[in-house]
Amino acid sequence: MRSWVESANAPGSVFPLNNLPYGVFSVDGMRRCGVAVGDMILDATALEASGILRADRAQDVLQDPAWNQFMALGKPAWSAYRKGLVDLLSEGAEHSVRPFLVAMQGARLHLPFRVSEFTDFYASRYHATNVGTMFRGAENALPPNWLHMPIGYNGRASSVVVSGTDITRPHGQIMGETGPRFAPSERFDFELEMGAVVGQPSQGPLSVAAAFENIFGYVLLNDWSARDIQAWEYQPLGPFQGKATATSISPWIVTCEALEPFRCDTPMPEVALLEHLHAPGPMLYDIALEVTLTPEGGPESVITRTNYSEMYYASAQQLAHHASSGCPMRVGDLLGSGTISGPKRENRGSMLELSWGGSEPLVLEGGEERCFLEDGDRVVLSGYAQGNGFHIGFGECVGTLLGARL
């Protein structure tokens, strides 16, 4: 689709008219809901106030600078609003909304929604096999339950931050030769993930098909991880402080409707899944993912390329499993996919895997080596789905690691 916003038609644009992701921005200190189109942001809050395009006739849902109230309207409203945006922005339409466009370059981006709860999964077979092999050997790499359900843990919604937020190296308890000590993490890591944004509440169990319909869209997600803190604390109850430092997400929610052409199947389960996890159709997406690492003062290095389609469990299966116990799900719940890795070394989604636990240092452009992240390192996650002559992009998920402080 072509737009009268010329930058949306540019080759390589990640925000063409086919995309129209949702975010929150400010240029004067006042946060507003916005829609990315090319290198511009359409001020959705002002558009609603003007009466030109409203998501709901009875109430203002975009005056609140978060997309939660809009998501709560449900799928018919999501589709109608998107159609309205396309009609206003398509090539040949009157330029009545031109005054509502803001240059993205001068805008500050914020969290696009209020995160109700955060759950992180462990659902990439390549990642789980790599990590399990390091710690338990190849014959015991996967836990006994792994092929039967997407395992995960409940994280901290308060630690979710928007792309561009600096990350401080955490302190924690670390086990040494003579016992535990309280010290800065020495094995700090990134994790390449996708985050599914729940757009509809639920009470009680969901089928995978119903869970799929309840997901509003996706963001890039970096679940920063202190491996040495986690190694000492995680048995028997799993991650706690090792994962509590920060979780970075990209500032634009790419909707499921924009991603619809890129749906693909999960792999054939090695072990037959129980009925509540059966996928009735394609539940994953073909999304190319990349991670770059830039040392302070050094050149940028591409350290990972993989694809979201490598996942063993889709987000809809994760959501269905999450709700299967009767757990209420809320608008704005965020589900981390788990680290996304592929079959080759260059497809691994964390430093833990790329350096094989620190035993095989990664050589960067310029000759520097890394086993884990060092102070000043800038990590950038990016991703896009490739259409016929267009990209559906997510923008970037960026974080720079700062030195430890108390």
Foldseek 3Di string as FASTA:
>chain_A
DQFPPHLLQDFPFQAHLLWFWWFWKDQPPDIFIWTDGRQKTQGVLVCVVVVVAALDPPDHDGVPQACQSSLAVADVSVVVRSVSVCQQTHPPHDVPRVVRIDGNVNMDTFARHQAPWEKEWAFFPVQQQLVQCLPPNNVCSHPPCRLAATDIDTADSVQETEFPDAFEFDWAWFADPVGTDTDTQPFKKKFWWKKWFFRYKDFAFDALVRLLRRTFFIWIKIQIFRVRRQVVPAPPPGDDVRRHRHMYTYRTGGGVSSQVVFFDAADDRPDDYPRSQDDPGGQWGFKWKWKWKAAAVGDIFTQAIDTRSSTNGHVSSVVNVVRNVRDIDGRNHMYISRGHADDDLRRGGMLCSVCVNVVRWDAGVVGDTDSHDDARMKMKMWMWDDDDSHININPIRIYGYHYHDD
